[in-house]
Amino acid sequence: MTEDEQRVSDFIAVCAKETSAYILRYADEAGLERSSFLVSVAAVLASSALAAQPEDQLAAASRHIQNALGLIHCLRDDPADQADRPVAATENAAIPASGSPL
């Protein structure tokens, strides 16, 4: 990872942490279950992010979100989840956008 990529990654991590805390405060104030509220807001944000993508970048953005979700399954290391998880970015690096192996 380059220095610029690391800087961007650090900013993203800080933004996500602060945003999650803000969303959880909303859930608390509304008396809602925190984790399900956070998941619902995250789903709407992901959907909005995809809707805002130019058509030529939509597939890549969708894969990026799927790979991020796949990382959660890997970190939990649940064998039952492994069969259904999306392919991690390093695993699909050799697969072009068409989805066919090289």
C-alpha atoms as a PDB file:
ATOM      1  CA  MET A   1       0.000   0.000   0.000  1.00  0.00           C
ATOM      2  CA  THR A   2       1.370   3.391  -0.956  1.00  0.00           C
ATOM      3  CA  GLU A   3       1.580   6.266   1.483  1.00  0.00           C
ATOM      4  CA  ASP A   4      -1.365   7.999  -0.242  1.00  0.00           C
ATOM      5  CA  GLU A   5      -3.452   4.816  -0.138  1.00  0.00           C
ATOM      6  CA  GLN A   6      -2.672   4.411   3.566  1.00  0.00           C
ATOM      7  CA  ARG A   7      -3.670   8.017   4.222  1.00  0.00           C
ATOM      8  CA  VAL A   8      -7.002   7.513   2.437  1.00  0.00           C
ATOM      9  CA  SER A   9      -7.553   4.234   4.291  1.00  0.00           C
ATOM     10  CA  ASP A  10      -6.904   5.975   7.615  1.00  0.00           C
ATOM     11  CA  PHE A  11      -9.388   8.746   6.769  1.00  0.00           C
ATOM     12  CA  ILE A  12     -12.009   6.170   5.781  1.00  0.00           C
ATOM     13  CA  ALA A  13     -11.523   4.276   9.054  1.00  0.00           C
ATOM     14  CA  VAL A  14     -11.892   7.438  11.150  1.00  0.00           C
ATOM     15  CA  CYS A  15     -14.955   8.538   9.165  1.00  0.00           C
ATOM     16  CA  ALA A  16     -16.590   5.115   9.550  1.00  0.00           C
ATOM     17  CA  LYS A  17     -15.921   5.024  13.293  1.00  0.00           C
ATOM     18  CA  GLU A  18     -17.297   8.521  13.877  1.00  0.00           C
ATOM     19  CA  THR A  19     -20.303   7.892  11.622  1.00  0.00           C
ATOM     20  CA  SER A  20     -21.131   4.614  13.373  1.00  0.00           C
ATOM     21  CA  ALA A  21     -21.061   6.339  16.756  1.00  0.00           C
ATOM     22  CA  TYR A  22     -23.352   9.072  15.432  1.00  0.00           C
ATOM     23  CA  ILE A  23     -25.811   6.517  13.980  1.00  0.00           C
ATOM     24  CA  LEU A  24     -25.836   4.562  17.250  1.00  0.00           C
ATOM     25  CA  ARG A  25     -26.673   7.758  19.155  1.00  0.00           C
ATOM     26  CA  TYR A  26     -29.679   8.201  16.852  1.00  0.00           C
ATOM     27  CA  ALA A  27     -30.773   4.637  17.627  1.00  0.00           C
ATOM     28  CA  ASP A  28     -30.418   5.245  21.364  1.00  0.00           C
ATOM     29  CA  GLU A  29     -32.386   8.506  21.205  1.00  0.00           C
ATOM     30  CA  ALA A  30     -35.173   6.777  19.263  1.00  0.00           C
ATOM     31  CA  GLY A  31     -35.171   3.763  21.597  1.00  0.00           C
ATOM     32  CA  LEU A  32     -34.315   1.411  18.729  1.00  0.00           C
ATOM     33  CA  GLU A  33     -32.175  -1.717  18.801  1.00  0.00           C
ATOM     34  CA  ARG A  34     -28.692  -0.437  17.991  1.00  0.00           C
ATOM     35  CA  SER A  35     -27.215  -3.164  15.804  1.00  0.00           C
ATOM     36  CA  SER A  36     -30.252  -3.635  13.559  1.00  0.00           C
ATOM     37  CA  PHE A  37     -30.592   0.147  13.158  1.00  0.00           C
ATOM     38  CA  LEU A  38     -26.917   0.405  12.189  1.00  0.00           C
ATOM     39  CA  VAL A  39     -27.333  -2.404   9.641  1.00  0.00           C
ATOM     40  CA  SER A  40     -30.411  -0.716   8.160  1.00  0.00           C
ATOM     41  CA  VAL A  41     -28.645   2.630   7.804  1.00  0.00           C
ATOM     42  CA  ALA A  42     -25.561   0.948   6.327  1.00  0.00           C
ATOM     43  CA  ALA A  43     -27.728  -0.845   3.754  1.00  0.00           C
ATOM     44  CA  VAL A  44     -29.354   2.431   2.705  1.00  0.00           C
ATOM     45  CA  LEU A  45     -25.951   4.130   2.480  1.00  0.00           C
ATOM     46  CA  ALA A  46     -24.531   1.293   0.363  1.00  0.00           C
ATOM     47  CA  SER A  47     -27.563   1.434  -1.920  1.00  0.00           C
ATOM     48  CA  SER A  48     -27.238   5.211  -2.244  1.00  0.00           C
ATOM     49  CA  ALA A  49     -23.536   4.912  -2.989  1.00  0.00           C
ATOM     50  CA  LEU A  50     -24.236   2.422  -5.770  1.00  0.00           C
ATOM     51  CA  ALA A  51     -27.034   4.588  -7.191  1.00  0.00           C
ATOM     52  CA  ALA A  52     -24.643   7.547  -7.371  1.00  0.00           C
ATOM     53  CA  GLN A  53     -22.043   5.642  -9.407  1.00  0.00           C
ATOM     54  CA  PRO A  54     -21.617   6.291 -13.122  1.00  0.00           C
ATOM     55  CA  GLU A  55     -22.742   3.259 -15.121  1.00  0.00           C
ATOM     56  CA  ASP A  56     -19.170   2.367 -16.109  1.00  0.00           C
ATOM     57  CA  GLN A  57     -18.098   2.220 -12.439  1.00  0.00           C
ATOM     58  CA  LEU A  58     -21.144   0.460 -11.011  1.00  0.00           C
ATOM     59  CA  ALA A  59     -19.822  -3.116 -11.274  1.00  0.00           C
ATOM     60  CA  ALA A  60     -16.504  -2.207  -9.624  1.00  0.00           C
ATOM     61  CA  ALA A  61     -18.271  -0.328  -6.820  1.00  0.00           C
ATOM     62  CA  SER A  62     -20.603  -3.266  -6.244  1.00  0.00           C
ATOM     63  CA  ARG A  63     -17.662  -5.698  -6.077  1.00  0.00           C
ATOM     64  CA  HIS A  64     -15.892  -3.381  -3.634  1.00  0.00           C
ATOM     65  CA  ILE A  65     -18.894  -3.437  -1.283  1.00  0.00           C
ATOM     66  CA  GLN A  66     -19.286  -7.213  -1.656  1.00  0.00           C
ATOM     67  CA  ASN A  67     -15.594  -7.738  -0.883  1.00  0.00           C
ATOM     68  CA  ALA A  68     -15.843  -5.559   2.222  1.00  0.00           C
ATOM     69  CA  LEU A  69     -18.795  -7.626   3.414  1.00  0.00           C
ATOM     70  CA  GLY A  70     -16.868 -10.814   2.652  1.00  0.00           C
ATOM     71  CA  LEU A  71     -14.074  -9.680   4.949  1.00  0.00           C
ATOM     72  CA  ILE A  72     -16.469  -9.783   7.896  1.00  0.00           C
ATOM     73  CA  HIS A  73     -17.211 -13.438   7.193  1.00  0.00           C
ATOM     74  CA  CYS A  74     -13.486 -14.187   6.974  1.00  0.00           C
ATOM     75  CA  LEU A  75     -12.769 -12.423  10.253  1.00  0.00           C
ATOM     76  CA  ARG A  76     -15.490 -14.359  12.036  1.00  0.00           C
ATOM     77  CA  ASP A  77     -13.979 -17.578  10.685  1.00  0.00           C
ATOM     78  CA  ASP A  78     -17.304 -19.437  10.699  1.00  0.00           C
ATOM     79  CA  PRO A  79     -17.032 -22.482   8.382  1.00  0.00           C
ATOM     80  CA  ALA A  80     -20.785 -22.365   7.704  1.00  0.00           C
ATOM     81  CA  ASP A  81     -20.426 -18.824   6.361  1.00  0.00           C
ATOM     82  CA  GLN A  82     -17.388 -19.594   4.212  1.00  0.00           C
ATOM     83  CA  ALA A  83     -19.367 -21.383   1.496  1.00  0.00           C
ATOM     84  CA  ASP A  84     -21.645 -18.392   0.953  1.00  0.00           C
ATOM     85  CA  ARG A  85     -19.198 -15.535   1.363  1.00  0.00           C
ATOM     86  CA  PRO A  86     -18.228 -13.300  -1.578  1.00  0.00           C
ATOM     87  CA  VAL A  87     -14.786 -13.876  -3.066  1.00  0.00           C
ATOM     88  CA  ALA A  88     -12.192 -11.677  -1.374  1.00  0.00           C
ATOM     89  CA  ALA A  89     -10.389  -9.092  -3.505  1.00  0.00           C
ATOM     90  CA  THR A  90      -7.135 -11.052  -3.537  1.00  0.00           C
ATOM     91  CA  GLU A  91      -8.951 -14.175  -4.681  1.00  0.00           C
ATOM     92  CA  ASN A  92     -10.681 -12.536  -7.648  1.00  0.00           C
ATOM     93  CA  ALA A  93      -7.781 -10.338  -8.750  1.00  0.00           C
ATOM     94  CA  ALA A  94      -7.199 -12.507 -11.829  1.00  0.00           C
ATOM     95  CA  ILE A  95     -10.858 -12.529 -12.860  1.00  0.00           C
ATOM     96  CA  PRO A  96     -11.764  -9.769 -15.345  1.00  0.00           C
ATOM     97  CA  ALA A  97     -14.985  -7.753 -15.109  1.00  0.00           C
ATOM     98  CA  SER A  98     -16.687 -10.244 -17.439  1.00  0.00           C
ATOM     99  CA  GLY A  99     -16.489 -12.780 -14.611  1.00  0.00           C
ATOM    100  CA  SER A 100     -14.678 -15.338 -16.751  1.00  0.00           C
ATOM    101  CA  PRO A 101     -11.272 -16.584 -15.628  1.00  0.00           C
ATOM    102  CA  LEU A 102      -8.337 -15.521 -17.812  1.00  0.00           C
END
